[in-house]
Amino acid sequence: MKKEIQNPFPDGGCFFCGNNNEIGLKLKFYWDEDRKQVFR
């Protein structure tokens, strides 16, 4: 089962996952409990 990982940067400025970064990638990351791995 996959579950979205909460963004650890509250200001949203992260280049990879920040929603407030205009040139950022705005990636979302997930945790797969069955495989014990993170993916996007």
PDB file of N, CA and C in Angstrom:
ATOM      1  N   MET A   1       0.834  -1.177   0.000  1.00  0.00           N
ATOM      2  CA  MET A   1       0.000   0.000   0.000  1.00  0.00           C
ATOM      3  C   MET A   1       0.884   1.248   0.000  1.00  0.00           C
ATOM      4  N   LYS A   2       0.574   2.208  -0.854  1.00  0.00           N
ATOM      5  CA  LYS A   2       1.386   3.421  -0.902  1.00  0.00           C
ATOM      6  C   LYS A   2       0.698   4.564  -0.169  1.00  0.00           C
ATOM      7  N   LYS A   3       1.545   5.439   0.418  1.00  0.00           N
ATOM      8  CA  LYS A   3       1.047   6.582   1.175  1.00  0.00           C
ATOM      9  C   LYS A   3       1.933   7.780   0.865  1.00  0.00           C
ATOM     10  N   GLU A   4       1.310   8.929   0.567  1.00  0.00           N
ATOM     11  CA  GLU A   4       2.081  10.129   0.243  1.00  0.00           C
ATOM     12  C   GLU A   4       2.852  10.602   1.473  1.00  0.00           C
ATOM     13  N   ILE A   5       4.111  10.983   1.255  1.00  0.00           N
ATOM     14  CA  ILE A   5       4.952  11.505   2.321  1.00  0.00           C
ATOM     15  C   ILE A   5       4.733  13.007   2.409  1.00  0.00           C
ATOM     16  N   GLN A   6       4.504  13.491   3.596  1.00  0.00           N
ATOM     17  CA  GLN A   6       4.278  14.919   3.811  1.00  0.00           C
ATOM     18  C   GLN A   6       5.544  15.709   3.503  1.00  0.00           C
ATOM     19  N   ASN A   7       5.389  16.854   2.853  1.00  0.00           N
ATOM     20  CA  ASN A   7       6.511  17.717   2.508  1.00  0.00           C
ATOM     21  C   ASN A   7       7.159  18.246   3.794  1.00  0.00           C
ATOM     22  N   PRO A   8       8.468  17.992   3.996  1.00  0.00           N
ATOM     23  CA  PRO A   8       9.137  18.414   5.236  1.00  0.00           C
ATOM     24  C   PRO A   8       9.536  19.896   5.249  1.00  0.00           C
ATOM     25  N   PHE A   9       9.319  20.607   4.148  1.00  0.00           N
ATOM     26  CA  PHE A   9       9.700  22.012   4.056  1.00  0.00           C
ATOM     27  C   PHE A   9       8.441  22.877   4.045  1.00  0.00           C
ATOM     28  N   PRO A  10       8.054  23.414   5.199  1.00  0.00           N
ATOM     29  CA  PRO A  10       6.779  24.130   5.311  1.00  0.00           C
ATOM     30  C   PRO A  10       6.682  25.409   4.483  1.00  0.00           C
ATOM     31  N   ASP A  11       7.820  26.025   4.107  1.00  0.00           N
ATOM     32  CA  ASP A  11       7.740  27.261   3.324  1.00  0.00           C
ATOM     33  C   ASP A  11       7.485  27.000   1.839  1.00  0.00           C
ATOM     34  N   GLY A  12       7.603  25.753   1.387  1.00  0.00           N
ATOM     35  CA  GLY A  12       7.325  25.400   0.000  1.00  0.00           C
ATOM     36  C   GLY A  12       8.371  25.865  -0.988  1.00  0.00           C
ATOM     37  N   GLY A  13       9.581  26.190  -0.529  1.00  0.00           N
ATOM     38  CA  GLY A  13      10.613  26.711  -1.411  1.00  0.00           C
ATOM     39  C   GLY A  13      11.577  25.678  -1.961  1.00  0.00           C
ATOM     40  N   CYS A  14      11.432  24.448  -1.577  1.00  0.00           N
ATOM     41  CA  CYS A  14      12.334  23.387  -2.041  1.00  0.00           C
ATOM     42  C   CYS A  14      12.251  23.253  -3.567  1.00  0.00           C
ATOM     43  N   PHE A  15      13.409  23.115  -4.245  1.00  0.00           N
ATOM     44  CA  PHE A  15      13.422  22.996  -5.704  1.00  0.00           C
ATOM     45  C   PHE A  15      12.726  21.719  -6.158  1.00  0.00           C
ATOM     46  N   PHE A  16      12.880  20.639  -5.424  1.00  0.00           N
ATOM     47  CA  PHE A  16      12.315  19.355  -5.840  1.00  0.00           C
ATOM     48  C   PHE A  16      10.842  19.183  -5.471  1.00  0.00           C
ATOM     49  N   CYS A  17      10.457  19.590  -4.265  1.00  0.00           N
ATOM     50  CA  CYS A  17       9.100  19.283  -3.807  1.00  0.00           C
ATOM     51  C   CYS A  17       8.288  20.492  -3.360  1.00  0.00           C
ATOM     52  N   GLY A  18       8.829  21.686  -3.458  1.00  0.00           N
ATOM     53  CA  GLY A  18       8.125  22.871  -2.991  1.00  0.00           C
ATOM     54  C   GLY A  18       7.058  23.380  -3.952  1.00  0.00           C
ATOM     55  N   ASN A  19       5.855  23.601  -3.445  1.00  0.00           N
ATOM     56  CA  ASN A  19       4.767  24.108  -4.270  1.00  0.00           C
ATOM     57  C   ASN A  19       4.898  25.603  -4.543  1.00  0.00           C
ATOM     58  N   ASN A  20       5.665  26.327  -3.726  1.00  0.00           N
ATOM     59  CA  ASN A  20       5.804  27.767  -3.880  1.00  0.00           C
ATOM     60  C   ASN A  20       7.017  28.182  -4.717  1.00  0.00           C
ATOM     61  N   ASN A  21       7.774  27.232  -5.200  1.00  0.00           N
ATOM     62  CA  ASN A  21       8.958  27.519  -6.016  1.00  0.00           C
ATOM     63  C   ASN A  21       8.530  27.538  -7.491  1.00  0.00           C
ATOM     64  N   GLU A  22       8.563  28.720  -8.113  1.00  0.00           N
ATOM     65  CA  GLU A  22       8.067  28.876  -9.483  1.00  0.00           C
ATOM     66  C   GLU A  22       8.786  27.994 -10.503  1.00  0.00           C
ATOM     67  N   ILE A  23      10.093  27.791 -10.327  1.00  0.00           N
ATOM     68  CA  ILE A  23      10.841  26.982 -11.289  1.00  0.00           C
ATOM     69  C   ILE A  23      11.082  25.560 -10.772  1.00  0.00           C
ATOM     70  N   GLY A  24      10.516  25.233  -9.630  1.00  0.00           N
ATOM     71  CA  GLY A  24      10.725  23.922  -9.021  1.00  0.00           C
ATOM     72  C   GLY A  24       9.988  22.804  -9.735  1.00  0.00           C
ATOM     73  N   LEU A  25      10.324  21.581  -9.377  1.00  0.00           N
ATOM     74  CA  LEU A  25       9.742  20.391 -10.002  1.00  0.00           C
ATOM     75  C   LEU A  25       8.407  19.968  -9.390  1.00  0.00           C
ATOM     76  N   LYS A  26       8.129  20.393  -8.155  1.00  0.00           N
ATOM     77  CA  LYS A  26       6.865  20.097  -7.467  1.00  0.00           C
ATOM     78  C   LYS A  26       6.569  18.584  -7.417  1.00  0.00           C
ATOM     79  N   LEU A  27       7.598  17.808  -7.094  1.00  0.00           N
ATOM     80  CA  LEU A  27       7.452  16.356  -7.025  1.00  0.00           C
ATOM     81  C   LEU A  27       6.726  15.943  -5.751  1.00  0.00           C
ATOM     82  N   LYS A  28       6.008  14.846  -5.839  1.00  0.00           N
ATOM     83  CA  LYS A  28       5.376  14.238  -4.669  1.00  0.00           C
ATOM     84  C   LYS A  28       6.050  12.883  -4.466  1.00  0.00           C
ATOM     85  N   PHE A  29       6.311  12.549  -3.226  1.00  0.00           N
ATOM     86  CA  PHE A  29       6.968  11.282  -2.903  1.00  0.00           C
ATOM     87  C   PHE A  29       6.030  10.402  -2.101  1.00  0.00           C
ATOM     88  N   TYR A  30       6.172   9.088  -2.293  1.00  0.00           N
ATOM     89  CA  TYR A  30       5.285   8.112  -1.654  1.00  0.00           C
ATOM     90  C   TYR A  30       6.108   7.027  -0.982  1.00  0.00           C
ATOM     91  N   TRP A  31       5.552   6.453   0.065  1.00  0.00           N
ATOM     92  CA  TRP A  31       6.157   5.331   0.778  1.00  0.00           C
ATOM     93  C   TRP A  31       5.340   4.090   0.476  1.00  0.00           C
ATOM     94  N   ASP A  32       5.991   3.031   0.007  1.00  0.00           N
ATOM     95  CA  ASP A  32       5.344   1.744  -0.245  1.00  0.00           C
ATOM     96  C   ASP A  32       5.662   0.829   0.932  1.00  0.00           C
ATOM     97  N   GLU A  33       4.668   0.588   1.752  1.00  0.00           N
ATOM     98  CA  GLU A  33       4.850  -0.216   2.966  1.00  0.00           C
ATOM     99  C   GLU A  33       5.220  -1.662   2.631  1.00  0.00           C
ATOM    100  N   ASP A  34       4.658  -2.208   1.566  1.00  0.00           N
ATOM    101  CA  ASP A  34       4.938  -3.605   1.205  1.00  0.00           C
ATOM    102  C   ASP A  34       6.384  -3.796   0.738  1.00  0.00           C
ATOM    103  N   ARG A  35       6.885  -2.876  -0.070  1.00  0.00           N
ATOM    104  CA  ARG A  35       8.248  -2.981  -0.595  1.00  0.00           C
ATOM    105  C   ARG A  35       9.285  -2.291   0.273  1.00  0.00           C
ATOM    106  N   LYS A  36       8.820  -1.484   1.235  1.00  0.00           N
ATOM    107  CA  LYS A  36       9.716  -0.732   2.135  1.00  0.00           C
ATOM    108  C   LYS A  36      10.637   0.184   1.338  1.00  0.00           C
ATOM    109  N   GLN A  37      10.034   0.989   0.421  1.00  0.00           N
ATOM    110  CA  GLN A  37      10.821   1.919  -0.366  1.00  0.00           C
ATOM    111  C   GLN A  37      10.030   3.179  -0.699  1.00  0.00           C
ATOM    112  N   VAL A  38      10.783   4.232  -1.003  1.00  0.00           N
ATOM    113  CA  VAL A  38      10.220   5.519  -1.382  1.00  0.00           C
ATOM    114  C   VAL A  38      10.259   5.633  -2.891  1.00  0.00           C
ATOM    115  N   PHE A  39       9.216   6.214  -3.471  1.00  0.00           N
ATOM    116  CA  PHE A  39       9.192   6.437  -4.912  1.00  0.00           C
ATOM    117  C   PHE A  39       8.381   7.681  -5.219  1.00  0.00           C
ATOM    118  N   ARG A  40       8.442   8.135  -6.449  1.00  0.00           N
ATOM    119  CA  ARG A  40       7.657   9.291  -6.858  1.00  0.00           C
ATOM    120  C   ARG A  40       6.730   8.913  -7.965  1.00  0.00           C
TER     121      ARG A  40
END
